[in-house]
C-alpha cells in the first residue's frame, strides 16, 4: 500500500465532481488525503451535505490556475482537457495509475476507436471461465476505483477511452486488446499522432511478461516504439508472408471461413465462421479470439454464450419492426468507421438502407464516410449543427440525400420516403453534444420518435 502512503496527508484537488470525480473523492479521502473539489457547476444540496460530512471543501470553477497551484496533486476527470495546463503536468494523477498501483490481481483492458463496449461486454462473460469473480468496469459500468473495495474479485476487465489513458504514467495491464485505430476525438487531442500517443499508454509501460493485441495496420508505429511486452496482431485477412516473418507474437485473422491464428509459423483454426454468434462484428470477434487464446480459454465456449450476453443499448439495436420496415438504433456510432461497419453488417440482408448521419464530427473529415456509403445506402439524411456541411459533402460526392437542422425534422423527411422492405439505420458517425447530452439520450430520442410515428401506423 505504498501508493496510499504517498497520498496520505497530501492536499489533492479533484477537478470535476461527476461520476469519476465522486469515486476519486471517496477513495482519496479514505486514503488519508486532504481533498478539495472543483466543478464548473453549482453542486446539489445532497452533494454539498455529503462533502460537508467528510469535511471536504468545494468551489465553483473560476480562478483555475490559482487553485491548481495550491495542491500537491490534481485528479482531473477524464473529460477535462488538460493541454493548456502543461506546467502543472507533474502534479496530475490518474484513475488508471491509482488503480493499477492498488489492484494486485490480473488486469485486462480493451481500448480502440470503435467496438470497445461490445467487445468488453462479450469478454466479460467469456473470461469468467478463467476468472469466476471477474470485475468489469472503467468506461463501461462502474468506476474502477470502486473495484478496490471488492474483496472477492480475482481479475479486472476495463474498457478504456483515450481520455482515460491520455495522462497515464505507469498503468500496465497484463493483457491489452486494442480493437482498431481510426481518426477520432481530434477536437480533444488535436492531431492523429496525439490520439495515437494517448491510446499507446495502454501498452507503453507493460513488461516482458505482459501481452498486447493490436491491429496489424499499426505494425510500423508500434515497432518504432520498441515496446517491452509481447505484441500480437489482428488482421481482417491473412497477412503477406513477408509481414508474418517480422512478427514474434501471434497473428489472428480471418481466412478459410474461420478465425485463424499463426503462431511460430504454424497456422491453426480457432473458430469456424458458423460458430461465431451474430451479436457483434467480425473485427471484434478476431480480437476476442486473440485474447482468449492468450489466456488459454477454450474458444468452444463462444457458441454457448449468445443468450447470456445482453449488449448495451444504442449499438446496432433493432428497436422496431413496422409494416415490413426494420428500425435500428446505432446512436453509439460516433465515428465514421463504426457507421461503415453498421452499414456493411446490414447490407447482407440485401434491402434498401436509409441512414441518418449527423451530430458533431469532432474534427474528423466525414467526406470519406459519405464516399464509402453512398452506393451502399438508398438515401442519406443529414441532421444536427453540421447538417449543411454534410449536405455539401453529399452533393459533392454524388450521394442521394436530404438534410434538416434537427433530428426530428430529418426523420419526418424520411417518413415521406420509407417503404415496406426498407431498413432505417440511425448511425450518426458524430458526437451527440450539438442537440443531446450524450449518445444515450440521442438514441432514446430516436427510439421515441420512431415509436410515436409507428404508433400512427403511417408507413406505406
Protein backbone atom coordinates (compact mmCIF):
# COMPACT_ATOMS: atom_id res chain seq x y z
CA UNK A 1 0.00 0.00 0.00
CA UNK A 2 2.99 2.29 -0.65
CA UNK A 3 0.98 4.49 -3.01
CA UNK A 4 -1.71 5.08 -0.40
CA UNK A 5 1.03 6.23 1.96
CA UNK A 6 2.12 8.75 -0.67
CA UNK A 7 -1.45 10.07 -0.82
CA UNK A 8 -1.82 10.27 2.96
CA UNK A 9 -1.63 13.84 4.29
CA UNK A 10 -1.30 15.23 0.75
CA UNK A 11 -3.50 18.08 -0.39
CA UNK A 12 -5.23 16.77 -3.51
CA UNK A 13 -7.61 18.64 -5.77
CA UNK A 14 -10.38 16.74 -7.52
CA UNK A 15 -11.34 18.64 -10.66
CA UNK A 16 -14.80 17.62 -11.87
CA UNK A 17 -17.39 16.19 -9.49
CA UNK A 18 -19.16 13.80 -11.83
CA UNK A 19 -19.30 10.01 -11.55
CA UNK A 20 -15.50 9.55 -11.72
CA UNK A 21 -14.80 12.59 -9.55
CA UNK A 22 -17.11 11.33 -6.81
CA UNK A 23 -15.46 7.92 -6.86
CA UNK A 24 -11.99 9.53 -6.66
CA UNK A 25 -13.04 11.88 -3.86
CA UNK A 26 -14.25 9.00 -1.73
CA UNK A 27 -11.13 6.91 -2.39
CA UNK A 28 -8.62 9.73 -1.82
CA UNK A 29 -10.37 10.77 1.38
CA UNK A 30 -10.27 7.19 2.66
CA UNK A 31 -6.53 7.11 1.80
CA UNK A 32 -5.93 9.97 4.22
CA UNK A 33 -5.57 12.82 1.74
CA UNK A 34 -6.96 16.30 2.27
CA UNK A 35 -9.34 16.68 -0.66
CA UNK A 36 -10.76 19.80 -2.31
CA UNK A 37 -13.36 19.66 -5.09
CA UNK A 38 -13.63 21.99 -8.08
CA UNK A 39 -16.51 21.90 -10.54
CA UNK A 40 -17.89 24.30 -13.14
CA UNK A 41 -21.44 23.73 -11.94
CA UNK A 42 -23.20 24.51 -8.68
CA UNK A 43 -23.33 21.31 -6.64
CA UNK A 44 -26.67 19.97 -5.44
CA UNK A 45 -27.70 20.22 -1.79
CA UNK A 46 -27.21 16.47 -1.42
CA UNK A 47 -23.67 16.68 -2.82
CA UNK A 48 -22.78 19.61 -0.59
CA UNK A 49 -24.10 17.82 2.51
CA UNK A 50 -22.08 14.71 1.67
CA UNK A 51 -18.85 16.70 1.25
CA UNK A 52 -19.54 18.68 4.41
CA UNK A 53 -19.85 15.45 6.42
CA UNK A 54 -16.42 14.40 5.16
CA UNK A 55 -15.06 17.92 5.84
CA UNK A 56 -14.20 18.30 2.16
CA UNK A 57 -14.28 21.82 0.75
CA UNK A 58 -15.56 22.63 -2.73
CA UNK A 59 -15.75 25.63 -5.02
CA UNK A 60 -17.01 26.57 -8.43
CA UNK A 61 -14.56 26.84 -11.28
CA UNK A 62 -13.18 30.39 -11.70
CA UNK A 63 -9.51 31.07 -10.94
CA UNK A 64 -8.29 27.65 -12.10
CA UNK A 65 -4.54 28.33 -12.12
CA UNK A 66 -4.56 29.61 -8.55
CA UNK A 67 -6.50 26.52 -7.46
CA UNK A 68 -4.06 24.23 -9.28
CA UNK A 69 -1.06 25.88 -7.63
CA UNK A 70 -2.47 25.29 -4.15
CA UNK A 71 -2.42 21.47 -4.32
CA UNK A 72 0.23 18.76 -4.12
CA UNK A 73 -1.59 16.70 -6.75
CA UNK A 74 -4.53 17.09 -9.11
CA UNK A 75 -7.03 14.40 -10.05
CA UNK A 76 -8.89 15.63 -13.14
CA UNK A 77 -11.93 13.83 -14.54
CA UNK A 78 -11.20 12.25 -17.95
CA UNK A 79 -13.49 14.68 -19.78
CA UNK A 80 -11.34 17.69 -18.81
CA UNK A 81 -8.81 18.83 -21.42
CA UNK A 82 -5.52 19.50 -19.61
CA UNK A 83 -3.42 20.52 -22.61
CA UNK A 84 -3.29 24.19 -21.67
CA UNK A 85 -2.09 23.37 -18.15
CA UNK A 86 1.20 21.65 -19.02
CA UNK A 87 3.16 23.50 -16.31
CA UNK A 88 1.11 21.52 -13.76
CA UNK A 89 1.59 18.19 -15.55
CA UNK A 90 3.89 16.87 -12.84
CA UNK A 91 1.00 17.12 -10.36
CA UNK A 92 -1.60 15.21 -12.39
CA UNK A 93 -2.62 11.79 -11.09
CA UNK A 94 -4.99 9.49 -12.97
CA UNK A 95 -7.63 6.95 -12.09
CA UNK A 96 -5.80 4.24 -14.04
CA UNK A 97 -2.43 4.80 -12.37
CA UNK A 98 -4.00 4.77 -8.90
CA UNK A 99 -5.99 1.65 -9.73
CA UNK A 100 -3.04 -0.31 -11.09
CA UNK A 101 -0.92 0.59 -8.03
CA UNK A 102 -3.52 -0.87 -5.67
CA UNK A 103 -5.11 -3.72 -7.63
CA UNK A 104 -2.78 -6.68 -7.18
CA UNK A 105 -4.62 -9.17 -9.42
CA UNK A 106 -4.64 -9.61 -13.23
CA UNK A 107 -5.80 -6.60 -15.24
CA UNK A 108 -7.21 -6.95 -18.76
CA UNK A 109 -8.15 -3.93 -20.81
CA UNK A 110 -9.88 -3.11 -24.08
CA UNK A 111 -9.37 0.14 -25.98
CA UNK A 112 -9.80 1.28 -29.58
CA UNK A 113 -11.68 3.76 -31.73
CA UNK A 114 -14.76 1.56 -32.13
CA UNK A 115 -16.03 -1.74 -30.77
CA UNK A 116 -14.81 -1.27 -27.19
CA UNK A 117 -18.11 -1.69 -25.40
CA UNK A 118 -19.36 -4.68 -27.42
CA UNK A 119 -16.00 -6.42 -27.12
CA UNK A 120 -15.75 -5.75 -23.39
CA UNK A 121 -19.31 -6.96 -22.79
CA UNK A 122 -18.65 -10.25 -24.61
CA UNK A 123 -15.28 -10.78 -22.91
CA UNK A 124 -16.86 -10.10 -19.53
CA UNK A 125 -18.86 -13.29 -19.96
CA UNK A 126 -16.19 -15.41 -21.65
CA UNK A 127 -13.33 -14.58 -19.28
CA UNK A 128 -15.32 -15.85 -16.30
CA UNK A 129 -14.20 -19.31 -17.36
CA UNK A 130 -10.73 -18.37 -16.06
CA UNK A 131 -11.71 -15.66 -13.58
CA UNK A 132 -15.10 -16.56 -12.00
CA UNK A 133 -15.10 -13.35 -9.93
CA UNK A 134 -14.19 -11.08 -12.83
CA UNK A 135 -14.91 -7.39 -12.22
CA UNK A 136 -15.79 -5.30 -15.30
CA UNK A 137 -15.77 -1.51 -15.38
CA UNK A 138 -13.92 1.63 -16.43
CA UNK A 139 -15.52 3.40 -19.37
CA UNK A 140 -18.34 0.86 -19.12
CA UNK A 141 -20.32 0.49 -15.90
CA UNK A 142 -18.67 1.13 -12.54
CA UNK A 143 -15.72 3.42 -11.84
CA UNK A 144 -12.55 1.38 -11.41
CA UNK A 145 -11.59 2.83 -8.02
CA UNK A 146 -14.81 1.36 -6.65
CA UNK A 147 -13.45 -2.11 -7.53
CA UNK A 148 -10.73 -1.67 -4.91
CA UNK A 149 -13.44 -2.21 -2.28
CA UNK A 150 -14.49 -5.55 -3.84
CA UNK A 151 -12.89 -8.32 -1.75
CA UNK A 152 -13.91 -11.31 -3.89
CA UNK A 153 -12.58 -10.00 -7.22
CA UNK A 154 -9.92 -12.20 -8.87
CA UNK A 155 -9.30 -10.10 -12.02
CA UNK A 156 -10.41 -6.84 -13.61
CA UNK A 157 -11.56 -6.17 -17.18
CA UNK A 158 -11.50 -2.49 -18.12
CA UNK A 159 -12.92 -0.66 -21.10
CA UNK A 160 -10.68 2.36 -21.62
CA UNK A 161 -11.09 5.55 -23.63
CA UNK A 162 -8.29 7.75 -24.93
CA UNK A 163 -9.35 10.36 -22.36
CA UNK A 164 -8.71 7.90 -19.52
CA UNK A 165 -5.35 6.82 -20.97
CA UNK A 166 -4.11 10.26 -22.03
CA UNK A 167 -2.16 11.23 -18.90
CA UNK A 168 -1.19 7.79 -17.57
CA UNK A 169 2.41 7.38 -16.44
CA UNK A 170 2.57 3.83 -15.05
CA UNK A 171 -0.57 1.82 -15.96
CA UNK A 172 0.45 -1.62 -17.26
CA UNK A 173 -2.30 -4.22 -17.86
CA UNK A 174 -1.44 -7.90 -18.11
CA UNK A 175 -3.25 -8.13 -21.44
CA UNK A 176 -4.27 -5.13 -23.54
CA UNK A 177 -6.58 -5.53 -26.54
CA UNK A 178 -6.54 -2.61 -29.00
CA UNK A 179 -9.56 -3.22 -31.26
CA UNK A 180 -8.73 -0.73 -34.06
CA UNK A 181 -7.42 2.77 -34.70
CA UNK A 182 -9.24 5.42 -36.73
CA UNK A 183 -9.33 9.24 -36.55
CA UNK A 184 -11.45 10.19 -33.54
CA UNK A 185 -11.61 12.86 -30.83
CA UNK A 186 -9.31 15.14 -32.81
CA UNK A 187 -11.13 18.10 -31.30
CA UNK A 188 -9.68 16.98 -27.96
CA UNK A 189 -6.30 15.51 -28.92
CA UNK A 190 -5.53 17.96 -31.71
CA UNK A 191 -3.72 15.55 -34.06
CA UNK A 192 -3.90 11.91 -35.05
CA UNK A 193 -0.42 11.39 -33.58
CA UNK A 194 -1.54 12.79 -30.23
CA UNK A 195 -4.58 10.50 -30.32
CA UNK A 196 -2.28 7.55 -31.03
CA UNK A 197 0.00 8.56 -28.16
CA UNK A 198 -2.96 8.52 -25.77
CA UNK A 199 -4.02 5.04 -26.88
CA UNK A 200 -0.44 3.78 -26.76
CA UNK A 201 -0.38 4.36 -22.99
CA UNK A 202 -2.30 1.07 -22.71
CA UNK A 203 0.90 -0.66 -23.88
CA UNK A 204 3.77 1.68 -23.10
CA UNK A 205 4.54 0.57 -19.54
CA UNK A 206 3.99 -3.17 -19.95
CA UNK A 207 6.84 -5.56 -19.14
CA UNK A 208 8.16 -8.62 -20.98
CA UNK A 209 5.68 -10.94 -19.22
CA UNK A 210 2.65 -8.96 -20.40
CA UNK A 211 0.81 -9.04 -23.71
CA UNK A 212 -0.77 -6.60 -26.17
CA UNK A 213 -3.03 -7.42 -29.12
CA UNK A 214 -3.13 -4.64 -31.71
CA UNK A 215 -4.31 -4.11 -35.32
CA UNK A 216 -1.68 -5.07 -37.89
CA UNK A 217 -2.19 -1.68 -39.55
CA UNK A 218 -0.26 -0.26 -36.57
CA UNK A 219 2.72 -2.60 -37.00
CA UNK A 220 5.21 0.10 -38.06
CA UNK A 221 4.06 2.65 -35.49
CA UNK A 222 4.19 0.08 -32.68
CA UNK A 223 7.52 -1.33 -33.83
CA UNK A 224 9.07 2.14 -33.84
CA UNK A 225 8.23 2.49 -30.13
CA UNK A 226 10.04 -0.78 -29.26
CA UNK A 227 7.59 -1.88 -26.52
CA UNK A 228 8.74 -4.31 -23.82
CA UNK A 229 5.70 -6.62 -23.89
CA UNK A 230 4.89 -9.40 -26.34
CA UNK A 231 2.94 -7.87 -29.21
CA UNK A 232 0.33 -9.92 -31.09
CA UNK A 233 -1.62 -8.66 -34.11
CA UNK A 234 -5.11 -8.86 -35.59
CA UNK A 235 -5.94 -8.63 -39.30
CA UNK A 236 -9.05 -8.87 -41.45
CA UNK A 237 -7.28 -11.35 -43.76
CA UNK A 238 -4.09 -13.40 -43.73
CA UNK A 239 -1.06 -11.06 -43.92
CA UNK A 240 1.65 -11.45 -46.51
CA UNK A 241 4.45 -13.90 -45.69
CA UNK A 242 7.00 -11.07 -45.51
CA UNK A 243 4.92 -9.35 -42.83
CA UNK A 244 4.40 -12.55 -40.86
CA UNK A 245 8.16 -13.14 -40.69
CA UNK A 246 8.61 -9.81 -38.84
CA UNK A 247 6.18 -10.71 -36.06
CA UNK A 248 7.36 -12.51 -32.93
CA UNK A 249 3.95 -12.93 -31.33
CA UNK A 250 0.74 -14.47 -32.68
CA UNK A 251 -1.30 -13.15 -35.59
CA UNK A 252 -5.09 -13.56 -35.53
CA UNK A 253 -7.03 -13.17 -38.77
CA UNK A 254 -9.97 -14.35 -40.88
CA UNK A 255 -9.35 -16.93 -43.63
CA UNK A 256 -10.92 -20.16 -44.90
CA UNK A 257 -14.29 -19.23 -43.31
CA UNK A 258 -12.77 -19.20 -39.84
CA UNK A 259 -10.80 -17.11 -37.38
CA UNK A 260 -7.22 -18.38 -37.53
CA UNK A 261 -4.02 -17.99 -35.54
CA UNK A 262 -0.48 -18.05 -36.88
CA UNK A 263 1.97 -18.89 -34.11
CA UNK A 264 5.63 -19.84 -34.58
CA UNK A 265 4.98 -20.37 -38.28
CA UNK A 266 2.12 -22.81 -37.64
CA UNK A 267 -1.41 -21.92 -38.78
CA UNK A 268 -4.36 -23.19 -36.76
CA UNK A 269 -8.12 -22.72 -36.85
CA UNK A 270 -9.60 -21.15 -33.71
CA UNK A 271 -13.29 -20.67 -34.56
CA UNK A 272 -15.29 -21.56 -37.70
CA UNK A 273 -17.48 -18.81 -39.15
CA UNK A 274 -20.68 -20.77 -38.49
CA UNK A 275 -19.86 -20.83 -34.76
CA UNK A 276 -19.40 -17.06 -34.44
CA UNK A 277 -22.51 -15.54 -32.80
CA UNK A 278 -24.20 -12.81 -34.85
CA UNK A 279 -24.09 -10.33 -31.97
CA UNK A 280 -21.05 -8.31 -32.99
CA UNK A 281 -18.79 -7.52 -35.94
CA UNK A 282 -16.16 -9.92 -37.28
CA UNK A 283 -13.37 -7.44 -36.45
CA UNK A 284 -14.38 -7.61 -32.79
CA UNK A 285 -14.50 -11.41 -32.79
CA UNK A 286 -10.96 -11.66 -34.16
CA UNK A 287 -9.69 -9.62 -31.20
CA UNK A 288 -11.85 -11.59 -28.75
CA UNK A 289 -10.47 -14.88 -30.04
CA UNK A 290 -6.97 -13.47 -29.75
CA UNK A 291 -7.39 -12.52 -26.11
CA UNK A 292 -8.95 -15.88 -25.26
CA UNK A 293 -6.00 -17.60 -26.94
CA UNK A 294 -3.50 -15.61 -24.87
CA UNK A 295 -5.38 -16.53 -21.68
CA UNK A 296 -5.75 -20.22 -22.71
CA UNK A 297 -9.55 -20.02 -22.53
CA UNK A 298 -11.25 -22.57 -24.85
CA UNK A 299 -12.92 -20.99 -27.88
CA UNK A 300 -15.54 -23.74 -27.87
CA UNK A 301 -17.41 -21.86 -25.14
CA UNK A 302 -18.20 -18.99 -27.51
CA UNK A 303 -21.12 -20.79 -29.18
CA UNK A 304 -22.96 -21.18 -25.88
CA UNK A 305 -22.85 -17.58 -24.66
CA UNK A 306 -25.08 -15.74 -27.12
CA UNK A 307 -28.20 -15.98 -24.96
CA UNK A 308 -26.28 -14.88 -21.86
CA UNK A 309 -24.96 -11.68 -23.40
CA UNK A 310 -27.03 -8.55 -23.48
CA UNK A 311 -25.15 -5.96 -25.48
CA UNK A 312 -25.63 -2.35 -24.40
CA UNK A 313 -28.38 -0.24 -25.89
CA UNK A 314 -27.70 2.02 -28.86
CA UNK A 315 -25.25 -0.29 -30.67
CA UNK A 316 -26.98 -1.62 -33.79
CA UNK A 317 -30.06 -2.18 -31.66
CA UNK A 318 -33.11 -3.37 -33.57
CA UNK A 319 -35.71 -1.16 -31.93
CA UNK A 320 -38.85 -1.59 -34.07
CA UNK A 321 -40.37 -3.51 -36.96
CA UNK A 322 -43.47 -1.98 -38.53
CA UNK A 323 -45.13 -2.92 -41.81
CA UNK A 324 -42.01 -4.65 -43.05
CA UNK A 325 -39.67 -1.77 -42.17
CA UNK A 326 -36.83 -2.52 -39.70
CA UNK A 327 -35.53 0.30 -37.48
CA UNK A 328 -32.01 0.18 -35.99
CA UNK A 329 -30.72 2.50 -33.29
CA UNK A 330 -26.92 2.79 -33.56
CA UNK A 331 -26.52 6.04 -31.65
CA UNK A 332 -23.27 4.81 -30.11
CA UNK A 333 -21.65 5.03 -33.56
CA UNK A 334 -19.78 8.30 -33.06
CA UNK A 335 -17.08 7.57 -35.66
CA UNK A 336 -17.21 7.06 -39.42
CA UNK A 337 -15.75 3.58 -39.07
CA UNK A 338 -18.47 2.47 -36.66
CA UNK A 339 -21.12 3.70 -39.08
CA UNK A 340 -19.48 1.97 -42.05
CA UNK A 341 -19.33 -1.27 -40.04
CA UNK A 342 -23.05 -0.97 -39.26
CA UNK A 343 -23.94 -0.40 -42.92
CA UNK A 344 -21.84 -3.37 -44.00
CA UNK A 345 -23.42 -5.56 -41.34
CA UNK A 346 -26.96 -4.70 -42.50
CA UNK A 347 -26.12 -4.80 -46.21
CA UNK A 348 -26.03 -8.59 -46.06
CA UNK A 349 -29.86 -8.52 -45.88
CA UNK A 350 -29.88 -7.07 -49.43
CA UNK A 351 -32.53 -4.48 -48.60
CA UNK A 352 -32.64 -0.70 -49.16
CA UNK A 353 -30.99 1.20 -46.28
CA UNK A 354 -31.93 4.75 -45.32
CA UNK A 355 -29.35 6.19 -42.94
CA UNK A 356 -29.19 9.17 -40.59
CA UNK A 357 -25.78 10.81 -40.09
CA UNK A 358 -25.10 13.96 -38.10
CA UNK A 359 -24.00 15.32 -34.77
CA UNK A 360 -20.52 16.77 -34.38
CA UNK A 361 -17.63 15.46 -36.45
CA UNK A 362 -15.05 16.01 -33.66
CA UNK A 363 -12.58 17.46 -36.12
CA UNK A 364 -12.77 14.46 -38.46
CA UNK A 365 -13.46 14.88 -42.18
CA UNK A 366 -16.58 12.83 -42.98
CA UNK A 367 -16.20 13.01 -46.77
CA UNK A 368 -14.60 9.51 -46.90
CA UNK A 369 -17.59 8.16 -44.95
CA UNK A 370 -20.05 9.57 -47.46
CA UNK A 371 -17.97 8.34 -50.38
CA UNK A 372 -17.91 4.83 -48.86
CA UNK A 373 -21.62 4.50 -48.08
CA UNK A 374 -23.18 6.45 -50.97
CA UNK A 375 -23.54 3.30 -53.10
CA UNK A 376 -24.45 1.07 -50.15
CA UNK A 377 -27.50 3.02 -48.98
CA UNK A 378 -30.61 4.32 -50.71
CA UNK A 379 -30.68 7.72 -49.01
CA UNK A 380 -28.63 9.71 -46.52
CA UNK A 381 -30.44 12.02 -44.06
CA UNK A 382 -28.15 14.67 -42.54
CA UNK A 383 -29.11 16.34 -39.26
CA UNK A 384 -27.65 18.48 -36.49
CA UNK A 385 -25.42 21.53 -36.31
CA UNK A 386 -23.28 20.31 -39.21
CA UNK A 387 -26.17 19.30 -41.48
CA UNK A 388 -25.35 21.89 -44.11
CA UNK A 389 -21.68 20.89 -44.22
CA UNK A 390 -22.67 17.24 -44.54
CA UNK A 391 -25.19 18.09 -47.26
CA UNK A 392 -22.47 19.85 -49.26
CA UNK A 393 -20.23 16.81 -48.92
CA UNK A 394 -23.08 14.54 -50.06
CA UNK A 395 -23.70 16.75 -53.08
CA UNK A 396 -20.01 16.81 -53.97
CA UNK A 397 -19.83 13.01 -53.74
CA UNK A 398 -22.99 12.45 -55.78
CA UNK A 399 -24.93 10.85 -52.91
CA UNK A 400 -28.72 10.85 -52.67
CA UNK A 401 -29.52 12.93 -49.58
CA UNK A 402 -31.82 15.21 -47.63
CA UNK A 403 -30.93 17.41 -44.67
CA UNK A 404 -32.50 19.29 -41.75
CA UNK A 405 -31.14 21.09 -38.67
CA UNK A 406 -32.93 18.83 -36.16
CA UNK A 407 -33.15 15.06 -35.95
CA UNK A 408 -36.95 15.12 -35.70
CA UNK A 409 -37.16 17.18 -38.90
CA UNK A 410 -34.83 14.81 -40.74
CA UNK A 411 -36.89 11.88 -39.51
CA UNK A 412 -40.08 13.48 -40.85
CA UNK A 413 -38.42 13.70 -44.26
CA UNK A 414 -37.54 10.01 -44.04
CA UNK A 415 -41.14 9.03 -43.24
CA UNK A 416 -42.19 10.57 -46.54
CA UNK A 417 -39.88 8.19 -48.43
CA UNK A 418 -39.70 4.89 -46.49
CA UNK A 419 -41.40 1.84 -47.93
CA UNK A 420 -42.03 -1.75 -46.95
CA UNK A 421 -38.76 -3.70 -47.03
CA UNK A 422 -36.58 -0.72 -46.05
CA UNK A 423 -34.04 -0.68 -43.25
CA UNK A 424 -33.90 2.59 -41.32
CA UNK A 425 -30.48 2.99 -39.70
CA UNK A 426 -29.70 5.71 -37.17
CA UNK A 427 -25.90 5.69 -37.10
CA UNK A 428 -24.68 9.30 -36.80
CA UNK A 429 -20.87 8.96 -37.12
CA UNK A 430 -20.59 12.00 -34.85
CA UNK A 431 -20.84 13.12 -31.25
CA UNK A 432 -24.23 13.98 -29.77
CA UNK A 433 -23.44 17.24 -28.00
CA UNK A 434 -24.99 19.61 -30.53
CA UNK A 435 -28.52 18.53 -29.68
CA UNK A 436 -28.23 15.99 -26.84
CA UNK A 437 -26.34 15.40 -23.57
CA UNK A 438 -24.88 12.08 -24.70
CA UNK A 439 -25.38 9.26 -27.19
CA UNK A 440 -27.79 7.51 -24.80
CA UNK A 441 -30.17 10.48 -24.75
CA UNK A 442 -29.85 10.75 -28.52
CA UNK A 443 -30.61 7.06 -29.03
CA UNK A 444 -33.59 7.16 -26.72
CA UNK A 445 -34.88 10.23 -28.54
CA UNK A 446 -34.63 8.40 -31.86
CA UNK A 447 -36.47 5.39 -30.44
CA UNK A 448 -39.18 7.66 -29.08
CA UNK A 449 -39.82 9.40 -32.38
CA UNK A 450 -39.85 6.01 -34.10
CA UNK A 451 -42.43 4.78 -31.60
CA UNK A 452 -44.53 7.93 -31.92
CA UNK A 453 -44.56 7.59 -35.68
CA UNK A 454 -45.12 3.85 -35.87
CA UNK A 455 -47.97 4.06 -33.40
CA UNK A 456 -49.74 6.15 -36.03
CA UNK A 457 -49.14 3.23 -38.44
CA UNK A 458 -48.49 5.57 -41.38
CA UNK A 459 -45.83 3.56 -43.23
CA UNK A 460 -46.79 2.85 -46.81
